[in-house]
Amino acid sequence: MKKFFTITLGIIILSTISYFSFIYYATYSDGVRSGHLIKISHKGMLFKTWEGEISQGLSGSQIFSFSILDKDKQVIEDLKNLEGQYIKLNYIERYKTFPWWGDTKYYVTEVHKENSPFNSK
């Protein structure tokens, strides 16, 4: 009986470690999005996370919401300085997320200022 509980406990612990390792390291996709940066904020009650939005259309009907990990200090500073401007974001998408990482499954890894296609004459 003791052997059964030991094996069961070992399987439960190994499964839990595997699950959280998968969430931490696995990404679903990566890509690039462009648009006007309309919001960057540090919000949350229990966990403060960095969140942002870009508008990808003229009417603002296509909003892309994203999160920024706390360890990406340069990305946070760049986004603060580029608010209201046209930018290009490199991001990764995760299968799931932890509450202390952010509200979305999309995490920005790089940001670059771009020329807006809407301002060309």
PDB file of N, CA and C in Angstrom:
ATOM      1  N   MET A   1       0.821  -1.195   0.000  1.00  0.00           N
ATOM      2  CA  MET A   1       0.000   0.000   0.000  1.00  0.00           C
ATOM      3  C   MET A   1       0.867   1.262   0.000  1.00  0.00           C
ATOM      4  N   LYS A   2       1.962   1.229   0.780  1.00  0.00           N
ATOM      5  CA  LYS A   2       2.859   2.378   0.861  1.00  0.00           C
ATOM      6  C   LYS A   2       3.527   2.631  -0.494  1.00  0.00           C
ATOM      7  N   LYS A   3       3.853   1.547  -1.196  1.00  0.00           N
ATOM      8  CA  LYS A   3       4.475   1.667  -2.513  1.00  0.00           C
ATOM      9  C   LYS A   3       3.505   2.321  -3.500  1.00  0.00           C
ATOM     10  N   PHE A   4       2.237   1.969  -3.441  1.00  0.00           N
ATOM     11  CA  PHE A   4       1.212   2.541  -4.318  1.00  0.00           C
ATOM     12  C   PHE A   4       1.111   4.058  -4.116  1.00  0.00           C
ATOM     13  N   PHE A   5       1.069   4.501  -2.850  1.00  0.00           N
ATOM     14  CA  PHE A   5       0.976   5.943  -2.562  1.00  0.00           C
ATOM     15  C   PHE A   5       2.233   6.685  -3.001  1.00  0.00           C
ATOM     16  N   THR A   6       3.387   6.067  -2.849  1.00  0.00           N
ATOM     17  CA  THR A   6       4.643   6.691  -3.271  1.00  0.00           C
ATOM     18  C   THR A   6       4.679   6.871  -4.782  1.00  0.00           C
ATOM     19  N   ILE A   7       4.288   5.849  -5.516  1.00  0.00           N
ATOM     20  CA  ILE A   7       4.261   5.930  -6.977  1.00  0.00           C
ATOM     21  C   ILE A   7       3.224   6.955  -7.438  1.00  0.00           C
ATOM     22  N   THR A   8       2.048   6.940  -6.828  1.00  0.00           N
ATOM     23  CA  THR A   8       0.994   7.897  -7.187  1.00  0.00           C
ATOM     24  C   THR A   8       1.442   9.329  -6.912  1.00  0.00           C
ATOM     25  N   LEU A   9       2.049   9.564  -5.760  1.00  0.00           N
ATOM     26  CA  LEU A   9       2.545  10.893  -5.419  1.00  0.00           C
ATOM     27  C   LEU A   9       3.641  11.330  -6.395  1.00  0.00           C
ATOM     28  N   GLY A  10       4.524  10.415  -6.760  1.00  0.00           N
ATOM     29  CA  GLY A  10       5.579  10.713  -7.734  1.00  0.00           C
ATOM     30  C   GLY A  10       5.015  11.096  -9.094  1.00  0.00           C
ATOM     31  N   ILE A  11       3.978  10.380  -9.534  1.00  0.00           N
ATOM     32  CA  ILE A  11       3.341  10.679 -10.820  1.00  0.00           C
ATOM     33  C   ILE A  11       2.665  12.047 -10.772  1.00  0.00           C
ATOM     34  N   ILE A  12       2.008  12.354  -9.673  1.00  0.00           N
ATOM     35  CA  ILE A  12       1.342  13.658  -9.528  1.00  0.00           C
ATOM     36  C   ILE A  12       2.370  14.791  -9.539  1.00  0.00           C
ATOM     37  N   ILE A  13       3.454  14.632  -8.805  1.00  0.00           N
ATOM     38  CA  ILE A  13       4.495  15.666  -8.766  1.00  0.00           C
ATOM     39  C   ILE A  13       5.143  15.838 -10.136  1.00  0.00           C
ATOM     40  N   LEU A  14       5.478  14.739 -10.798  1.00  0.00           N
ATOM     41  CA  LEU A  14       6.087  14.807 -12.125  1.00  0.00           C
ATOM     42  C   LEU A  14       5.144  15.438 -13.144  1.00  0.00           C
ATOM     43  N   SER A  15       3.867  15.104 -13.076  1.00  0.00           N
ATOM     44  CA  SER A  15       2.875  15.696 -13.984  1.00  0.00           C
ATOM     45  C   SER A  15       2.742  17.201 -13.763  1.00  0.00           C
ATOM     46  N   THR A  16       2.728  17.623 -12.506  1.00  0.00           N
ATOM     47  CA  THR A  16       2.621  19.047 -12.185  1.00  0.00           C
ATOM     48  C   THR A  16       3.844  19.810 -12.686  1.00  0.00           C
ATOM     49  N   ILE A  17       5.033  19.273 -12.451  1.00  0.00           N
ATOM     50  CA  ILE A  17       6.258  19.924 -12.932  1.00  0.00           C
ATOM     51  C   ILE A  17       6.262  19.994 -14.454  1.00  0.00           C
ATOM     52  N   SER A  18       5.848  18.935 -15.119  1.00  0.00           N
ATOM     53  CA  SER A  18       5.803  18.916 -16.587  1.00  0.00           C
ATOM     54  C   SER A  18       4.824  19.955 -17.123  1.00  0.00           C
ATOM     55  N   TYR A  19       3.662  20.057 -16.508  1.00  0.00           N
ATOM     56  CA  TYR A  19       2.642  21.010 -16.948  1.00  0.00           C
ATOM     57  C   TYR A  19       3.151  22.451 -16.841  1.00  0.00           C
ATOM     58  N   PHE A  20       3.695  22.808 -15.677  1.00  0.00           N
ATOM     59  CA  PHE A  20       4.174  24.172 -15.491  1.00  0.00           C
ATOM     60  C   PHE A  20       5.410  24.468 -16.338  1.00  0.00           C
ATOM     61  N   SER A  21       6.253  23.478 -16.579  1.00  0.00           N
ATOM     62  CA  SER A  21       7.396  23.671 -17.473  1.00  0.00           C
ATOM     63  C   SER A  21       6.925  23.929 -18.894  1.00  0.00           C
ATOM     64  N   PHE A  22       5.910  23.205 -19.325  1.00  0.00           N
ATOM     65  CA  PHE A  22       5.357  23.412 -20.657  1.00  0.00           C
ATOM     66  C   PHE A  22       4.791  24.824 -20.794  1.00  0.00           C
ATOM     67  N   ILE A  23       4.025  25.267 -19.821  1.00  0.00           N
ATOM     68  CA  ILE A  23       3.453  26.620 -19.861  1.00  0.00           C
ATOM     69  C   ILE A  23       4.562  27.668 -19.875  1.00  0.00           C
ATOM     70  N   TYR A  24       5.615  27.445 -19.112  1.00  0.00           N
ATOM     71  CA  TYR A  24       6.685  28.431 -18.993  1.00  0.00           C
ATOM     72  C   TYR A  24       7.521  28.538 -20.273  1.00  0.00           C
ATOM     73  N   TYR A  25       7.829  27.415 -20.911  1.00  0.00           N
ATOM     74  CA  TYR A  25       8.766  27.423 -22.039  1.00  0.00           C
ATOM     75  C   TYR A  25       8.119  27.351 -23.423  1.00  0.00           C
ATOM     76  N   ALA A  26       6.961  26.745 -23.563  1.00  0.00           N
ATOM     77  CA  ALA A  26       6.384  26.515 -24.889  1.00  0.00           C
ATOM     78  C   ALA A  26       5.700  27.762 -25.425  1.00  0.00           C
ATOM     79  N   THR A  27       5.901  28.025 -26.714  1.00  0.00           N
ATOM     80  CA  THR A  27       5.191  29.109 -27.392  1.00  0.00           C
ATOM     81  C   THR A  27       4.364  28.516 -28.517  1.00  0.00           C
ATOM     82  N   TYR A  28       3.229  29.136 -28.769  1.00  0.00           N
ATOM     83  CA  TYR A  28       2.314  28.665 -29.805  1.00  0.00           C
ATOM     84  C   TYR A  28       2.698  29.258 -31.155  1.00  0.00           C
ATOM     85  N   SER A  29       3.008  30.561 -31.170  1.00  0.00           N
ATOM     86  CA  SER A  29       3.380  31.220 -32.413  1.00  0.00           C
ATOM     87  C   SER A  29       4.200  32.459 -32.096  1.00  0.00           C
ATOM     88  N   ASP A  30       4.775  33.019 -33.144  1.00  0.00           N
ATOM     89  CA  ASP A  30       5.426  34.318 -33.025  1.00  0.00           C
ATOM     90  C   ASP A  30       5.117  35.100 -34.285  1.00  0.00           C
ATOM     91  N   GLY A  31       5.274  36.413 -34.209  1.00  0.00           N
ATOM     92  CA  GLY A  31       4.934  37.209 -35.371  1.00  0.00           C
ATOM     93  C   GLY A  31       5.225  38.681 -35.179  1.00  0.00           C
ATOM     94  N   VAL A  32       4.725  39.456 -36.130  1.00  0.00           N
ATOM     95  CA  VAL A  32       4.927  40.898 -36.153  1.00  0.00           C
ATOM     96  C   VAL A  32       3.573  41.553 -36.398  1.00  0.00           C
ATOM     97  N   ARG A  33       3.292  42.619 -35.683  1.00  0.00           N
ATOM     98  CA  ARG A  33       2.081  43.419 -35.893  1.00  0.00           C
ATOM     99  C   ARG A  33       2.472  44.882 -35.900  1.00  0.00           C
ATOM    100  N   SER A  34       1.746  45.657 -36.693  1.00  0.00           N
ATOM    101  CA  SER A  34       1.994  47.093 -36.774  1.00  0.00           C
ATOM    102  C   SER A  34       0.713  47.850 -36.494  1.00  0.00           C
ATOM    103  N   GLY A  35       0.877  49.040 -35.943  1.00  0.00           N
ATOM    104  CA  GLY A  35      -0.275  49.889 -35.685  1.00  0.00           C
ATOM    105  C   GLY A  35       0.107  51.066 -34.811  1.00  0.00           C
ATOM    106  N   HIS A  36      -0.877  51.904 -34.527  1.00  0.00           N
ATOM    107  CA  HIS A  36      -0.657  53.049 -33.647  1.00  0.00           C
ATOM    108  C   HIS A  36      -0.784  52.595 -32.199  1.00  0.00           C
ATOM    109  N   LEU A  37       0.227  52.903 -31.420  1.00  0.00           N
ATOM    110  CA  LEU A  37       0.212  52.555 -30.003  1.00  0.00           C
ATOM    111  C   LEU A  37      -0.753  53.491 -29.291  1.00  0.00           C
ATOM    112  N   ILE A  38      -1.839  52.934 -28.765  1.00  0.00           N
ATOM    113  CA  ILE A  38      -2.853  53.773 -28.138  1.00  0.00           C
ATOM    114  C   ILE A  38      -2.876  53.646 -26.623  1.00  0.00           C
ATOM    115  N   LYS A  39      -2.198  52.609 -26.086  1.00  0.00           N
ATOM    116  CA  LYS A  39      -2.244  52.462 -24.631  1.00  0.00           C
ATOM    117  C   LYS A  39      -1.064  51.638 -24.153  1.00  0.00           C
ATOM    118  N   ILE A  40      -0.477  52.081 -23.052  1.00  0.00           N
ATOM    119  CA  ILE A  40       0.501  51.304 -22.308  1.00  0.00           C
ATOM    120  C   ILE A  40       0.233  51.585 -20.837  1.00  0.00           C
ATOM    121  N   SER A  41       0.001  50.544 -20.050  1.00  0.00           N
ATOM    122  CA  SER A  41      -0.343  50.774 -18.649  1.00  0.00           C
ATOM    123  C   SER A  41       0.225  49.683 -17.756  1.00  0.00           C
ATOM    124  N   HIS A  42       0.391  50.025 -16.502  1.00  0.00           N
ATOM    125  CA  HIS A  42       0.856  49.107 -15.458  1.00  0.00           C
ATOM    126  C   HIS A  42      -0.330  48.907 -14.527  1.00  0.00           C
ATOM    127  N   LYS A  43      -0.997  47.760 -14.629  1.00  0.00           N
ATOM    128  CA  LYS A  43      -2.254  47.613 -13.904  1.00  0.00           C
ATOM    129  C   LYS A  43      -2.330  46.289 -13.165  1.00  0.00           C
ATOM    130  N   GLY A  44      -3.299  46.214 -12.268  1.00  0.00           N
ATOM    131  CA  GLY A  44      -3.559  44.993 -11.544  1.00  0.00           C
ATOM    132  C   GLY A  44      -3.699  45.238 -10.053  1.00  0.00           C
ATOM    133  N   MET A  45      -4.470  44.396  -9.396  1.00  0.00           N
ATOM    134  CA  MET A  45      -4.653  44.503  -7.947  1.00  0.00           C
ATOM    135  C   MET A  45      -3.616  43.644  -7.224  1.00  0.00           C
ATOM    136  N   LEU A  46      -3.641  42.358  -7.476  1.00  0.00           N
ATOM    137  CA  LEU A  46      -2.735  41.436  -6.800  1.00  0.00           C
ATOM    138  C   LEU A  46      -1.382  41.372  -7.509  1.00  0.00           C
ATOM    139  N   PHE A  47      -1.419  41.277  -8.837  1.00  0.00           N
ATOM    140  CA  PHE A  47      -0.205  41.231  -9.643  1.00  0.00           C
ATOM    141  C   PHE A  47      -0.212  42.423 -10.588  1.00  0.00           C
ATOM    142  N   LYS A  48       0.779  43.297 -10.502  1.00  0.00           N
ATOM    143  CA  LYS A  48       0.913  44.433 -11.414  1.00  0.00           C
ATOM    144  C   LYS A  48       1.590  43.946 -12.689  1.00  0.00           C
ATOM    145  N   THR A  49       0.911  44.115 -13.816  1.00  0.00           N
ATOM    146  CA  THR A  49       1.454  43.697 -15.099  1.00  0.00           C
ATOM    147  C   THR A  49       1.411  44.856 -16.083  1.00  0.00           C
ATOM    148  N   TRP A  50       2.271  44.802 -17.078  1.00  0.00           N
ATOM    149  CA  TRP A  50       2.303  45.808 -18.136  1.00  0.00           C
ATOM    150  C   TRP A  50       1.434  45.334 -19.296  1.00  0.00           C
ATOM    151  N   GLU A  51       0.488  46.170 -19.689  1.00  0.00           N
ATOM    152  CA  GLU A  51      -0.452  45.851 -20.763  1.00  0.00           C
ATOM    153  C   GLU A  51      -0.455  46.991 -21.779  1.00  0.00           C
ATOM    154  N   GLY A  52      -0.731  46.664 -23.022  1.00  0.00           N
ATOM    155  CA  GLY A  52      -0.790  47.688 -24.051  1.00  0.00           C
ATOM    156  C   GLY A  52      -1.747  47.306 -25.160  1.00  0.00           C
ATOM    157  N   GLU A  53      -2.029  48.288 -26.022  1.00  0.00           N
ATOM    158  CA  GLU A  53      -2.913  48.073 -27.169  1.00  0.00           C
ATOM    159  C   GLU A  53      -2.398  48.878 -28.345  1.00  0.00           C
ATOM    160  N   ILE A  54      -2.522  48.289 -29.546  1.00  0.00           N
ATOM    161  CA  ILE A  54      -2.285  49.040 -30.768  1.00  0.00           C
ATOM    162  C   ILE A  54      -3.545  48.975 -31.613  1.00  0.00           C
ATOM    163  N   SER A  55      -3.796  50.058 -32.330  1.00  0.00           N
ATOM    164  CA  SER A  55      -4.917  50.126 -33.255  1.00  0.00           C
ATOM    165  C   SER A  55      -4.382  49.790 -34.635  1.00  0.00           C
ATOM    166  N   GLN A  56      -4.980  48.788 -35.281  1.00  0.00           N
ATOM    167  CA  GLN A  56      -4.500  48.338 -36.576  1.00  0.00           C
ATOM    168  C   GLN A  56      -5.380  48.798 -37.730  1.00  0.00           C
ATOM    169  N   GLY A  57      -6.301  49.678 -37.476  1.00  0.00           N
ATOM    170  CA  GLY A  57      -7.169  50.159 -38.539  1.00  0.00           C
ATOM    171  C   GLY A  57      -7.445  51.631 -38.395  1.00  0.00           C
ATOM    172  N   LEU A  58      -8.027  52.209 -39.418  1.00  0.00           N
ATOM    173  CA  LEU A  58      -8.335  53.635 -39.391  1.00  0.00           C
ATOM    174  C   LEU A  58      -9.381  53.972 -38.341  1.00  0.00           C
ATOM    175  N   SER A  59     -10.367  53.122 -38.198  1.00  0.00           N
ATOM    176  CA  SER A  59     -11.465  53.425 -37.275  1.00  0.00           C
ATOM    177  C   SER A  59     -11.187  52.990 -35.843  1.00  0.00           C
ATOM    178  N   GLY A  60     -10.106  52.289 -35.638  1.00  0.00           N
ATOM    179  CA  GLY A  60      -9.813  51.781 -34.301  1.00  0.00           C
ATOM    180  C   GLY A  60     -10.608  50.535 -33.962  1.00  0.00           C
ATOM    181  N   SER A  61     -11.213  49.911 -34.974  1.00  0.00           N
ATOM    182  CA  SER A  61     -12.034  48.730 -34.709  1.00  0.00           C
ATOM    183  C   SER A  61     -11.191  47.463 -34.557  1.00  0.00           C
ATOM    184  N   GLN A  62      -9.962  47.500 -35.027  1.00  0.00           N
ATOM    185  CA  GLN A  62      -9.087  46.343 -34.900  1.00  0.00           C
ATOM    186  C   GLN A  62      -8.027  46.658 -33.846  1.00  0.00           C
ATOM    187  N   ILE A  63      -8.279  46.233 -32.626  1.00  0.00           N
ATOM    188  CA  ILE A  63      -7.377  46.495 -31.518  1.00  0.00           C
ATOM    189  C   ILE A  63      -6.631  45.210 -31.184  1.00  0.00           C
ATOM    190  N   PHE A  64      -5.314  45.293 -31.098  1.00  0.00           N
ATOM    191  CA  PHE A  64      -4.478  44.173 -30.690  1.00  0.00           C
ATOM    192  C   PHE A  64      -3.984  44.461 -29.282  1.00  0.00           C
ATOM    193  N   SER A  65      -4.398  43.628 -28.324  1.00  0.00           N
ATOM    194  CA  SER A  65      -3.988  43.779 -26.928  1.00  0.00           C
ATOM    195  C   SER A  65      -2.813  42.849 -26.657  1.00  0.00           C
ATOM    196  N   PHE A  66      -1.864  43.333 -25.881  1.00  0.00           N
ATOM    197  CA  PHE A  66      -0.667  42.557 -25.599  1.00  0.00           C
ATOM    198  C   PHE A  66      -0.178  42.830 -24.182  1.00  0.00           C
ATOM    199  N   SER A  67       0.725  41.986 -23.722  1.00  0.00           N
ATOM    200  CA  SER A  67       1.358  42.135 -22.415  1.00  0.00           C
ATOM    201  C   SER A  67       2.861  42.236 -22.619  1.00  0.00           C
ATOM    202  N   ILE A  68       3.543  42.771 -21.611  1.00  0.00           N
ATOM    203  CA  ILE A  68       4.995  42.857 -21.625  1.00  0.00           C
ATOM    204  C   ILE A  68       5.488  42.271 -20.305  1.00  0.00           C
ATOM    205  N   LEU A  69       6.441  41.363 -20.384  1.00  0.00           N
ATOM    206  CA  LEU A  69       7.005  40.774 -19.174  1.00  0.00           C
ATOM    207  C   LEU A  69       7.845  41.817 -18.443  1.00  0.00           C
ATOM    208  N   ASP A  70       7.850  41.759 -17.121  1.00  0.00           N
ATOM    209  CA  ASP A  70       8.607  42.711 -16.300  1.00  0.00           C
ATOM    210  C   ASP A  70      10.103  42.699 -16.604  1.00  0.00           C
ATOM    211  N   LYS A  71      10.626  41.568 -17.047  1.00  0.00           N
ATOM    212  CA  LYS A  71      12.062  41.467 -17.317  1.00  0.00           C
ATOM    213  C   LYS A  71      12.472  42.245 -18.568  1.00  0.00           C
ATOM    214  N   ASP A  72      11.519  42.594 -19.436  1.00  0.00           N
ATOM    215  CA  ASP A  72      11.809  43.321 -20.671  1.00  0.00           C
ATOM    216  C   ASP A  72      11.749  44.829 -20.428  1.00  0.00           C
ATOM    217  N   LYS A  73      12.663  45.335 -19.622  1.00  0.00           N
ATOM    218  CA  LYS A  73      12.668  46.754 -19.224  1.00  0.00           C
ATOM    219  C   LYS A  73      12.831  47.682 -20.431  1.00  0.00           C
ATOM    220  N   GLN A  74      13.686  47.302 -21.401  1.00  0.00           N
ATOM    221  CA  GLN A  74      13.915  48.157 -22.561  1.00  0.00           C
ATOM    222  C   GLN A  74      12.649  48.275 -23.417  1.00  0.00           C
ATOM    223  N   VAL A  75      11.917  47.188 -23.574  1.00  0.00           N
ATOM    224  CA  VAL A  75      10.667  47.208 -24.337  1.00  0.00           C
ATOM    225  C   VAL A  75       9.655  48.130 -23.653  1.00  0.00           C
ATOM    226  N   ILE A  76       9.556  48.053 -22.334  1.00  0.00           N
ATOM    227  CA  ILE A  76       8.625  48.906 -21.581  1.00  0.00           C
ATOM    228  C   ILE A  76       8.976  50.367 -21.779  1.00  0.00           C
ATOM    229  N   GLU A  77      10.259  50.709 -21.662  1.00  0.00           N
ATOM    230  CA  GLU A  77      10.683  52.104 -21.844  1.00  0.00           C
ATOM    231  C   GLU A  77      10.432  52.582 -23.270  1.00  0.00           C
ATOM    232  N   ASP A  78      10.732  51.732 -24.263  1.00  0.00           N
ATOM    233  CA  ASP A  78      10.496  52.105 -25.655  1.00  0.00           C
ATOM    234  C   ASP A  78       9.013  52.362 -25.903  1.00  0.00           C
ATOM    235  N   LEU A  79       8.150  51.507 -25.370  1.00  0.00           N
ATOM    236  CA  LEU A  79       6.711  51.689 -25.559  1.00  0.00           C
ATOM    237  C   LEU A  79       6.217  52.967 -24.878  1.00  0.00           C
ATOM    238  N   LYS A  80       6.734  53.276 -23.698  1.00  0.00           N
ATOM    239  CA  LYS A  80       6.349  54.522 -23.029  1.00  0.00           C
ATOM    240  C   LYS A  80       6.708  55.729 -23.888  1.00  0.00           C
ATOM    241  N   ASN A  81       7.890  55.696 -24.509  1.00  0.00           N
ATOM    242  CA  ASN A  81       8.352  56.814 -25.325  1.00  0.00           C
ATOM    243  C   ASN A  81       7.649  56.909 -26.675  1.00  0.00           C
ATOM    244  N   LEU A  82       7.099  55.804 -27.160  1.00  0.00           N
ATOM    245  CA  LEU A  82       6.486  55.772 -28.496  1.00  0.00           C
ATOM    246  C   LEU A  82       4.959  55.835 -28.462  1.00  0.00           C
ATOM    247  N   GLU A  83       4.356  56.086 -27.317  1.00  0.00           N
ATOM    248  CA  GLU A  83       2.901  56.123 -27.234  1.00  0.00           C
ATOM    249  C   GLU A  83       2.345  57.180 -28.191  1.00  0.00           C
ATOM    250  N   GLY A  84       1.318  56.797 -28.945  1.00  0.00           N
ATOM    251  CA  GLY A  84       0.699  57.693 -29.922  1.00  0.00           C
ATOM    252  C   GLY A  84       1.335  57.643 -31.293  1.00  0.00           C
ATOM    253  N   GLN A  85       2.391  56.868 -31.456  1.00  0.00           N
ATOM    254  CA  GLN A  85       3.091  56.779 -32.728  1.00  0.00           C
ATOM    255  C   GLN A  85       2.846  55.429 -33.385  1.00  0.00           C
ATOM    256  N   TYR A  86       3.195  55.342 -34.664  1.00  0.00           N
ATOM    257  CA  TYR A  86       3.051  54.103 -35.415  1.00  0.00           C
ATOM    258  C   TYR A  86       4.262  53.223 -35.123  1.00  0.00           C
ATOM    259  N   ILE A  87       4.014  51.984 -34.712  1.00  0.00           N
ATOM    260  CA  ILE A  87       5.099  51.084 -34.318  1.00  0.00           C
ATOM    261  C   ILE A  87       4.909  49.703 -34.925  1.00  0.00           C
ATOM    262  N   LYS A  88       6.004  48.926 -34.887  1.00  0.00           N
ATOM    263  CA  LYS A  88       5.977  47.525 -35.278  1.00  0.00           C
ATOM    264  C   LYS A  88       6.408  46.711 -34.070  1.00  0.00           C
ATOM    265  N   LEU A  89       5.597  45.710 -33.690  1.00  0.00           N
ATOM    266  CA  LEU A  89       5.864  44.858 -32.529  1.00  0.00           C
ATOM    267  C   LEU A  89       6.246  43.457 -32.978  1.00  0.00           C
ATOM    268  N   ASN A  90       7.280  42.910 -32.377  1.00  0.00           N
ATOM    269  CA  ASN A  90       7.559  41.484 -32.489  1.00  0.00           C
ATOM    270  C   ASN A  90       7.005  40.854 -31.228  1.00  0.00           C
ATOM    271  N   TYR A  91       6.288  39.734 -31.373  1.00  0.00           N
ATOM    272  CA  TYR A  91       5.643  39.132 -30.212  1.00  0.00           C
ATOM    273  C   TYR A  91       5.692  37.616 -30.298  1.00  0.00           C
ATOM    274  N   ILE A  92       5.441  36.999 -29.139  1.00  0.00           N
ATOM    275  CA  ILE A  92       5.235  35.558 -29.082  1.00  0.00           C
ATOM    276  C   ILE A  92       3.858  35.315 -28.474  1.00  0.00           C
ATOM    277  N   GLU A  93       3.240  34.224 -28.880  1.00  0.00           N
ATOM    278  CA  GLU A  93       1.952  33.822 -28.316  1.00  0.00           C
ATOM    279  C   GLU A  93       2.158  32.519 -27.561  1.00  0.00           C
ATOM    280  N   ARG A  94       1.653  32.470 -26.350  1.00  0.00           N
ATOM    281  CA  ARG A  94       1.783  31.271 -25.518  1.00  0.00           C
ATOM    282  C   ARG A  94       0.448  30.511 -25.487  1.00  0.00           C
ATOM    283  N   TYR A  95       0.527  29.221 -25.184  1.00  0.00           N
ATOM    284  CA  TYR A  95      -0.679  28.408 -25.047  1.00  0.00           C
ATOM    285  C   TYR A  95      -1.530  28.895 -23.877  1.00  0.00           C
ATOM    286  N   LYS A  96      -0.905  29.081 -22.756  1.00  0.00           N
ATOM    287  CA  LYS A  96      -1.544  29.572 -21.537  1.00  0.00           C
ATOM    288  C   LYS A  96      -0.574  30.522 -20.868  1.00  0.00           C
ATOM    289  N   THR A  97      -1.022  31.161 -19.805  1.00  0.00           N
ATOM    290  CA  THR A  97      -0.167  32.118 -19.128  1.00  0.00           C
ATOM    291  C   THR A  97      -0.377  32.061 -17.620  1.00  0.00           C
ATOM    292  N   PHE A  98       0.544  32.642 -16.917  1.00  0.00           N
ATOM    293  CA  PHE A  98       0.420  32.784 -15.470  1.00  0.00           C
ATOM    294  C   PHE A  98      -0.179  34.155 -15.175  1.00  0.00           C
ATOM    295  N   PRO A  99      -0.946  34.302 -14.094  1.00  0.00           N
ATOM    296  CA  PRO A  99      -1.564  35.604 -13.788  1.00  0.00           C
ATOM    297  C   PRO A  99      -0.544  36.720 -13.564  1.00  0.00           C
ATOM    298  N   TRP A 100       0.626  36.401 -13.090  1.00  0.00           N
ATOM    299  CA  TRP A 100       1.627  37.432 -12.820  1.00  0.00           C
ATOM    300  C   TRP A 100       2.400  37.827 -14.073  1.00  0.00           C
ATOM    301  N   TRP A 101       2.134  37.183 -15.214  1.00  0.00           N
ATOM    302  CA  TRP A 101       2.773  37.564 -16.474  1.00  0.00           C
ATOM    303  C   TRP A 101       1.965  38.613 -17.219  1.00  0.00           C
ATOM    304  N   GLY A 102       0.630  38.536 -17.161  1.00  0.00           N
ATOM    305  CA  GLY A 102      -0.185  39.500 -17.884  1.00  0.00           C
ATOM    306  C   GLY A 102      -1.568  38.964 -18.186  1.00  0.00           C
ATOM    307  N   ASP A 103      -2.395  39.838 -18.790  1.00  0.00           N
ATOM    308  CA  ASP A 103      -3.786  39.509 -19.083  1.00  0.00           C
ATOM    309  C   ASP A 103      -3.974  38.749 -20.393  1.00  0.00           C
ATOM    310  N   THR A 104      -3.019  38.838 -21.297  1.00  0.00           N
ATOM    311  CA  THR A 104      -3.180  38.231 -22.612  1.00  0.00           C
ATOM    312  C   THR A 104      -2.205  37.075 -22.788  1.00  0.00           C
ATOM    313  N   LYS A 105      -2.334  36.384 -23.927  1.00  0.00           N
ATOM    314  CA  LYS A 105      -1.405  35.324 -24.292  1.00  0.00           C
ATOM    315  C   LYS A 105      -0.303  35.857 -25.206  1.00  0.00           C
ATOM    316  N   TYR A 106      -0.357  37.146 -25.566  1.00  0.00           N
ATOM    317  CA  TYR A 106       0.606  37.757 -26.479  1.00  0.00           C
ATOM    318  C   TYR A 106       1.616  38.592 -25.689  1.00  0.00           C
ATOM    319  N   TYR A 107       2.910  38.327 -25.901  1.00  0.00           N
ATOM    320  CA  TYR A 107       3.969  39.010 -25.168  1.00  0.00           C
ATOM    321  C   TYR A 107       4.938  39.664 -26.150  1.00  0.00           C
ATOM    322  N   VAL A 108       5.097  40.968 -26.019  1.00  0.00           N
ATOM    323  CA  VAL A 108       5.971  41.725 -26.906  1.00  0.00           C
ATOM    324  C   VAL A 108       7.419  41.475 -26.516  1.00  0.00           C
ATOM    325  N   THR A 109       8.255  41.199 -27.529  1.00  0.00           N
ATOM    326  CA  THR A 109       9.674  40.971 -27.288  1.00  0.00           C
ATOM    327  C   THR A 109      10.531  42.104 -27.841  1.00  0.00           C
ATOM    328  N   GLU A 110      10.049  42.821 -28.868  1.00  0.00           N
ATOM    329  CA  GLU A 110      10.767  43.945 -29.463  1.00  0.00           C
ATOM    330  C   GLU A 110       9.769  44.961 -29.974  1.00  0.00           C
ATOM    331  N   VAL A 111      10.200  46.207 -30.036  1.00  0.00           N
ATOM    332  CA  VAL A 111       9.359  47.266 -30.588  1.00  0.00           C
ATOM    333  C   VAL A 111      10.234  48.196 -31.426  1.00  0.00           C
ATOM    334  N   HIS A 112       9.702  48.630 -32.584  1.00  0.00           N
ATOM    335  CA  HIS A 112      10.418  49.532 -33.484  1.00  0.00           C
ATOM    336  C   HIS A 112       9.465  50.609 -33.976  1.00  0.00           C
ATOM    337  N   LYS A 113       9.965  51.825 -34.101  1.00  0.00           N
ATOM    338  CA  LYS A 113       9.165  52.925 -34.663  1.00  0.00           C
ATOM    339  C   LYS A 113       9.137  52.743 -36.179  1.00  0.00           C
ATOM    340  N   GLU A 114       7.968  52.940 -36.772  1.00  0.00           N
ATOM    341  CA  GLU A 114       7.773  52.797 -38.208  1.00  0.00           C
ATOM    342  C   GLU A 114       7.108  54.051 -38.753  1.00  0.00           C
ATOM    343  N   ASN A 115       7.204  54.236 -40.056  1.00  0.00           N
ATOM    344  CA  ASN A 115       6.461  55.312 -40.717  1.00  0.00           C
ATOM    345  C   ASN A 115       5.041  54.842 -40.965  1.00  0.00           C
ATOM    346  N   SER A 116       4.078  55.662 -40.623  1.00  0.00           N
ATOM    347  CA  SER A 116       2.676  55.290 -40.770  1.00  0.00           C
ATOM    348  C   SER A 116       2.291  55.265 -42.244  1.00  0.00           C
ATOM    349  N   PRO A 117       1.650  54.200 -42.713  1.00  0.00           N
ATOM    350  CA  PRO A 117       1.189  54.162 -44.103  1.00  0.00           C
ATOM    351  C   PRO A 117       0.006  55.107 -44.339  1.00  0.00           C
ATOM    352  N   PHE A 118      -0.641  55.573 -43.282  1.00  0.00           N
ATOM    353  CA  PHE A 118      -1.810  56.437 -43.406  1.00  0.00           C
ATOM    354  C   PHE A 118      -1.414  57.893 -43.626  1.00  0.00           C
ATOM    355  N   ASN A 119      -0.145  58.249 -43.369  1.00  0.00           N
ATOM    356  CA  ASN A 119       0.302  59.623 -43.516  1.00  0.00           C
ATOM    357  C   ASN A 119       0.951  59.899 -44.857  1.00  0.00           C
ATOM    358  N   SER A 120       1.132  58.880 -45.715  1.00  0.00           N
ATOM    359  CA  SER A 120       1.802  59.088 -46.997  1.00  0.00           C
ATOM    360  C   SER A 120       0.892  59.874 -47.934  1.00  0.00           C
ATOM    361  N   LYS A 121       1.525  60.780 -48.693  1.00  0.00           N
ATOM    362  CA  LYS A 121       0.766  61.643 -49.615  1.00  0.00           C
ATOM    363  C   LYS A 121       1.100  61.340 -51.043  1.00  0.00           C
TER     364      LYS A 121
END
